[in-house]
Amino acid sequence: MSEEIKVYTVPELSKLFQLSPQSVRRYLKEGRIKGQKVGTKWLVSEEAIKKFLHGE
């Protein structure tokens, strides 16, 4: 039984948080949001978003 992991891109997070893409990228670079850079794109798991929202 495989569980699908939902991942979000910078444009999706930008819309979700109502922030500019630059702000989302800055949060990722600062480690405020935990993400993984794949090539030139940042990918953020749903779990990482929950942790960010709960201040973890």
PDB file of N, CA and C in Angstrom:
ATOM      1  N   MET A   1       0.843  -1.179   0.000  1.00  0.00           N
ATOM      2  CA  MET A   1       0.000   0.000   0.000  1.00  0.00           C
ATOM      3  C   MET A   1       0.890   1.245   0.000  1.00  0.00           C
ATOM      4  N   SER A   2       1.026   1.896  -1.131  1.00  0.00           N
ATOM      5  CA  SER A   2       1.884   3.078  -1.211  1.00  0.00           C
ATOM      6  C   SER A   2       1.064   4.340  -0.962  1.00  0.00           C
ATOM      7  N   GLU A   3       1.661   5.207  -0.174  1.00  0.00           N
ATOM      8  CA  GLU A   3       1.003   6.466   0.153  1.00  0.00           C
ATOM      9  C   GLU A   3       1.621   7.567  -0.700  1.00  0.00           C
ATOM     10  N   GLU A   4       0.781   8.310  -1.393  1.00  0.00           N
ATOM     11  CA  GLU A   4       1.259   9.367  -2.259  1.00  0.00           C
ATOM     12  C   GLU A   4       1.606  10.600  -1.437  1.00  0.00           C
ATOM     13  N   ILE A   5       2.761  11.183  -1.725  1.00  0.00           N
ATOM     14  CA  ILE A   5       3.197  12.379  -1.024  1.00  0.00           C
ATOM     15  C   ILE A   5       2.912  13.584  -1.912  1.00  0.00           C
ATOM     16  N   LYS A   6       2.159  14.547  -1.385  1.00  0.00           N
ATOM     17  CA  LYS A   6       1.832  15.759  -2.127  1.00  0.00           C
ATOM     18  C   LYS A   6       2.985  16.744  -1.942  1.00  0.00           C
ATOM     19  N   VAL A   7       3.493  17.260  -3.050  1.00  0.00           N
ATOM     20  CA  VAL A   7       4.531  18.281  -2.985  1.00  0.00           C
ATOM     21  C   VAL A   7       4.053  19.548  -3.686  1.00  0.00           C
ATOM     22  N   TYR A   8       4.562  20.663  -3.230  1.00  0.00           N
ATOM     23  CA  TYR A   8       4.169  21.963  -3.750  1.00  0.00           C
ATOM     24  C   TYR A   8       5.376  22.682  -4.331  1.00  0.00           C
ATOM     25  N   THR A   9       5.124  23.498  -5.349  1.00  0.00           N
ATOM     26  CA  THR A   9       6.161  24.316  -5.970  1.00  0.00           C
ATOM     27  C   THR A   9       6.067  25.741  -5.422  1.00  0.00           C
ATOM     28  N   VAL A  10       7.049  26.555  -5.746  1.00  0.00           N
ATOM     29  CA  VAL A  10       7.040  27.950  -5.291  1.00  0.00           C
ATOM     30  C   VAL A  10       5.785  28.699  -5.747  1.00  0.00           C
ATOM     31  N   PRO A  11       5.382  28.608  -7.027  1.00  0.00           N
ATOM     32  CA  PRO A  11       4.156  29.321  -7.421  1.00  0.00           C
ATOM     33  C   PRO A  11       2.914  28.863  -6.644  1.00  0.00           C
ATOM     34  N   GLU A  12       2.819  27.568  -6.360  1.00  0.00           N
ATOM     35  CA  GLU A  12       1.671  27.054  -5.592  1.00  0.00           C
ATOM     36  C   GLU A  12       1.697  27.589  -4.161  1.00  0.00           C
ATOM     37  N   LEU A  13       2.885  27.608  -3.548  1.00  0.00           N
ATOM     38  CA  LEU A  13       3.003  28.124  -2.182  1.00  0.00           C
ATOM     39  C   LEU A  13       2.730  29.621  -2.144  1.00  0.00           C
ATOM     40  N   SER A  14       3.147  30.306  -3.175  1.00  0.00           N
ATOM     41  CA  SER A  14       2.911  31.741  -3.278  1.00  0.00           C
ATOM     42  C   SER A  14       1.415  32.046  -3.234  1.00  0.00           C
ATOM     43  N   LYS A  15       0.635  31.292  -3.979  1.00  0.00           N
ATOM     44  CA  LYS A  15      -0.825  31.464  -3.980  1.00  0.00           C
ATOM     45  C   LYS A  15      -1.423  31.041  -2.643  1.00  0.00           C
ATOM     46  N   LEU A  16      -0.949  29.925  -2.111  1.00  0.00           N
ATOM     47  CA  LEU A  16      -1.470  29.377  -0.860  1.00  0.00           C
ATOM     48  C   LEU A  16      -1.278  30.343   0.306  1.00  0.00           C
ATOM     49  N   PHE A  17      -0.077  30.927   0.408  1.00  0.00           N
ATOM     50  CA  PHE A  17       0.249  31.814   1.521  1.00  0.00           C
ATOM     51  C   PHE A  17       0.018  33.289   1.197  1.00  0.00           C
ATOM     52  N   GLN A  18      -0.363  33.580  -0.030  1.00  0.00           N
ATOM     53  CA  GLN A  18      -0.549  34.958  -0.496  1.00  0.00           C
ATOM     54  C   GLN A  18       0.724  35.782  -0.266  1.00  0.00           C
ATOM     55  N   LEU A  19       1.838  35.193  -0.682  1.00  0.00           N
ATOM     56  CA  LEU A  19       3.148  35.828  -0.627  1.00  0.00           C
ATOM     57  C   LEU A  19       3.712  35.892  -2.036  1.00  0.00           C
ATOM     58  N   SER A  20       4.688  36.760  -2.228  1.00  0.00           N
ATOM     59  CA  SER A  20       5.345  36.800  -3.531  1.00  0.00           C
ATOM     60  C   SER A  20       6.236  35.560  -3.665  1.00  0.00           C
ATOM     61  N   PRO A  21       6.487  35.114  -4.890  1.00  0.00           N
ATOM     62  CA  PRO A  21       7.406  33.984  -5.078  1.00  0.00           C
ATOM     63  C   PRO A  21       8.785  34.266  -4.469  1.00  0.00           C
ATOM     64  N   GLN A  22       9.216  35.526  -4.509  1.00  0.00           N
ATOM     65  CA  GLN A  22      10.517  35.888  -3.929  1.00  0.00           C
ATOM     66  C   GLN A  22      10.522  35.648  -2.418  1.00  0.00           C
ATOM     67  N   SER A  23       9.423  35.976  -1.754  1.00  0.00           N
ATOM     68  CA  SER A  23       9.333  35.748  -0.304  1.00  0.00           C
ATOM     69  C   SER A  23       9.363  34.261   0.012  1.00  0.00           C
ATOM     70  N   VAL A  24       8.651  33.472  -0.770  1.00  0.00           N
ATOM     71  CA  VAL A  24       8.642  32.015  -0.553  1.00  0.00           C
ATOM     72  C   VAL A  24      10.053  31.467  -0.732  1.00  0.00           C
ATOM     73  N   ARG A  25      10.756  31.893  -1.777  1.00  0.00           N
ATOM     74  CA  ARG A  25      12.132  31.425  -2.002  1.00  0.00           C
ATOM     75  C   ARG A  25      13.053  31.842  -0.851  1.00  0.00           C
ATOM     76  N   ARG A  26      12.855  33.055  -0.343  1.00  0.00           N
ATOM     77  CA  ARG A  26      13.672  33.526   0.782  1.00  0.00           C
ATOM     78  C   ARG A  26      13.416  32.651   2.012  1.00  0.00           C
ATOM     79  N   TYR A  27      12.162  32.332   2.288  1.00  0.00           N
ATOM     80  CA  TYR A  27      11.825  31.453   3.416  1.00  0.00           C
ATOM     81  C   TYR A  27      12.505  30.090   3.244  1.00  0.00           C
ATOM     82  N   LEU A  28      12.515  29.585   2.027  1.00  0.00           N
ATOM     83  CA  LEU A  28      13.157  28.294   1.764  1.00  0.00           C
ATOM     84  C   LEU A  28      14.667  28.381   1.990  1.00  0.00           C
ATOM     85  N   LYS A  29      15.297  29.430   1.476  1.00  0.00           N
ATOM     86  CA  LYS A  29      16.752  29.592   1.626  1.00  0.00           C
ATOM     87  C   LYS A  29      17.139  29.781   3.089  1.00  0.00           C
ATOM     88  N   GLU A  30      16.283  30.488   3.845  1.00  0.00           N
ATOM     89  CA  GLU A  30      16.546  30.723   5.267  1.00  0.00           C
ATOM     90  C   GLU A  30      16.239  29.496   6.126  1.00  0.00           C
ATOM     91  N   GLY A  31      15.553  28.502   5.544  1.00  0.00           N
ATOM     92  CA  GLY A  31      15.197  27.307   6.289  1.00  0.00           C
ATOM     93  C   GLY A  31      13.923  27.455   7.101  1.00  0.00           C
ATOM     94  N   ARG A  32      13.211  28.573   6.924  1.00  0.00           N
ATOM     95  CA  ARG A  32      11.943  28.762   7.644  1.00  0.00           C
ATOM     96  C   ARG A  32      10.901  27.778   7.138  1.00  0.00           C
ATOM     97  N   ILE A  33      10.943  27.480   5.847  1.00  0.00           N
ATOM     98  CA  ILE A  33      10.147  26.409   5.249  1.00  0.00           C
ATOM     99  C   ILE A  33      11.154  25.374   4.778  1.00  0.00           C
ATOM    100  N   LYS A  34      10.948  24.132   5.159  1.00  0.00           N
ATOM    101  CA  LYS A  34      11.858  23.062   4.749  1.00  0.00           C
ATOM    102  C   LYS A  34      11.458  22.572   3.361  1.00  0.00           C
ATOM    103  N   GLY A  35      12.402  22.600   2.447  1.00  0.00           N
ATOM    104  CA  GLY A  35      12.132  22.148   1.090  1.00  0.00           C
ATOM    105  C   GLY A  35      13.342  21.471   0.495  1.00  0.00           C
ATOM    106  N   GLN A  36      13.167  20.933  -0.668  1.00  0.00           N
ATOM    107  CA  GLN A  36      14.231  20.239  -1.386  1.00  0.00           C
ATOM    108  C   GLN A  36      14.362  20.882  -2.750  1.00  0.00           C
ATOM    109  N   LYS A  37      15.584  21.266  -3.104  1.00  0.00           N
ATOM    110  CA  LYS A  37      15.795  21.843  -4.420  1.00  0.00           C
ATOM    111  C   LYS A  37      16.124  20.713  -5.389  1.00  0.00           C
ATOM    112  N   VAL A  38      15.337  20.621  -6.451  1.00  0.00           N
ATOM    113  CA  VAL A  38      15.530  19.608  -7.475  1.00  0.00           C
ATOM    114  C   VAL A  38      15.800  20.356  -8.779  1.00  0.00           C
ATOM    115  N   GLY A  39      17.051  20.331  -9.208  1.00  0.00           N
ATOM    116  CA  GLY A  39      17.433  21.136 -10.363  1.00  0.00           C
ATOM    117  C   GLY A  39      17.318  22.597  -9.989  1.00  0.00           C
ATOM    118  N   THR A  40      16.473  23.319 -10.695  1.00  0.00           N
ATOM    119  CA  THR A  40      16.281  24.743 -10.395  1.00  0.00           C
ATOM    120  C   THR A  40      14.994  25.005  -9.619  1.00  0.00           C
ATOM    121  N   LYS A  41      14.237  23.955  -9.324  1.00  0.00           N
ATOM    122  CA  LYS A  41      12.936  24.124  -8.661  1.00  0.00           C
ATOM    123  C   LYS A  41      12.976  23.659  -7.212  1.00  0.00           C
ATOM    124  N   TRP A  42      12.262  24.394  -6.374  1.00  0.00           N
ATOM    125  CA  TRP A  42      12.061  23.989  -4.989  1.00  0.00           C
ATOM    126  C   TRP A  42      10.791  23.138  -4.911  1.00  0.00           C
ATOM    127  N   LEU A  43      10.858  22.063  -4.139  1.00  0.00           N
ATOM    128  CA  LEU A  43       9.693  21.225  -3.871  1.00  0.00           C
ATOM    129  C   LEU A  43       9.525  21.133  -2.357  1.00  0.00           C
ATOM    130  N   VAL A  44       8.279  21.315  -1.905  1.00  0.00           N
ATOM    131  CA  VAL A  44       7.992  21.320  -0.476  1.00  0.00           C
ATOM    132  C   VAL A  44       6.878  20.324  -0.207  1.00  0.00           C
ATOM    133  N   SER A  45       7.101  19.431   0.745  1.00  0.00           N
ATOM    134  CA  SER A  45       6.081  18.427   1.072  1.00  0.00           C
ATOM    135  C   SER A  45       4.966  19.047   1.902  1.00  0.00           C
ATOM    136  N   GLU A  46       3.834  18.392   1.859  1.00  0.00           N
ATOM    137  CA  GLU A  46       2.682  18.826   2.650  1.00  0.00           C
ATOM    138  C   GLU A  46       3.035  18.810   4.140  1.00  0.00           C
ATOM    139  N   GLU A  47       3.809  17.825   4.549  1.00  0.00           N
ATOM    140  CA  GLU A  47       4.230  17.706   5.950  1.00  0.00           C
ATOM    141  C   GLU A  47       5.072  18.918   6.363  1.00  0.00           C
ATOM    142  N   ALA A  48       5.969  19.365   5.479  1.00  0.00           N
ATOM    143  CA  ALA A  48       6.804  20.538   5.772  1.00  0.00           C
ATOM    144  C   ALA A  48       5.953  21.797   5.902  1.00  0.00           C
ATOM    145  N   ILE A  49       4.910  21.897   5.098  1.00  0.00           N
ATOM    146  CA  ILE A  49       4.011  23.051   5.167  1.00  0.00           C
ATOM    147  C   ILE A  49       3.272  23.049   6.503  1.00  0.00           C
ATOM    148  N   LYS A  50       2.809  21.876   6.928  1.00  0.00           N
ATOM    149  CA  LYS A  50       2.115  21.774   8.223  1.00  0.00           C
ATOM    150  C   LYS A  50       3.036  22.193   9.352  1.00  0.00           C
ATOM    151  N   LYS A  51       4.292  21.752   9.302  1.00  0.00           N
ATOM    152  CA  LYS A  51       5.253  22.113  10.354  1.00  0.00           C
ATOM    153  C   LYS A  51       5.495  23.623  10.357  1.00  0.00           C
ATOM    154  N   PHE A  52       5.611  24.221   9.184  1.00  0.00           N
ATOM    155  CA  PHE A  52       5.818  25.659   9.080  1.00  0.00           C
ATOM    156  C   PHE A  52       4.634  26.411   9.684  1.00  0.00           C
ATOM    157  N   LEU A  53       3.425  25.972   9.366  1.00  0.00           N
ATOM    158  CA  LEU A  53       2.220  26.631   9.864  1.00  0.00           C
ATOM    159  C   LEU A  53       2.064  26.499  11.386  1.00  0.00           C
ATOM    160  N   HIS A  54       2.597  25.413  11.936  1.00  0.00           N
ATOM    161  CA  HIS A  54       2.519  25.196  13.386  1.00  0.00           C
ATOM    162  C   HIS A  54       3.739  25.746  14.115  1.00  0.00           C
ATOM    163  N   GLY A  55       4.621  26.440  13.384  1.00  0.00           N
ATOM    164  CA  GLY A  55       5.787  27.075  14.004  1.00  0.00           C
ATOM    165  C   GLY A  55       6.882  26.123  14.411  1.00  0.00           C
ATOM    166  N   GLU A  56       6.932  24.970  13.776  1.00  0.00           N
ATOM    167  CA  GLU A  56       7.988  23.986  14.118  1.00  0.00           C
ATOM    168  C   GLU A  56       9.225  24.207  13.288  1.00  0.00           C
TER     169      GLU A  56
END
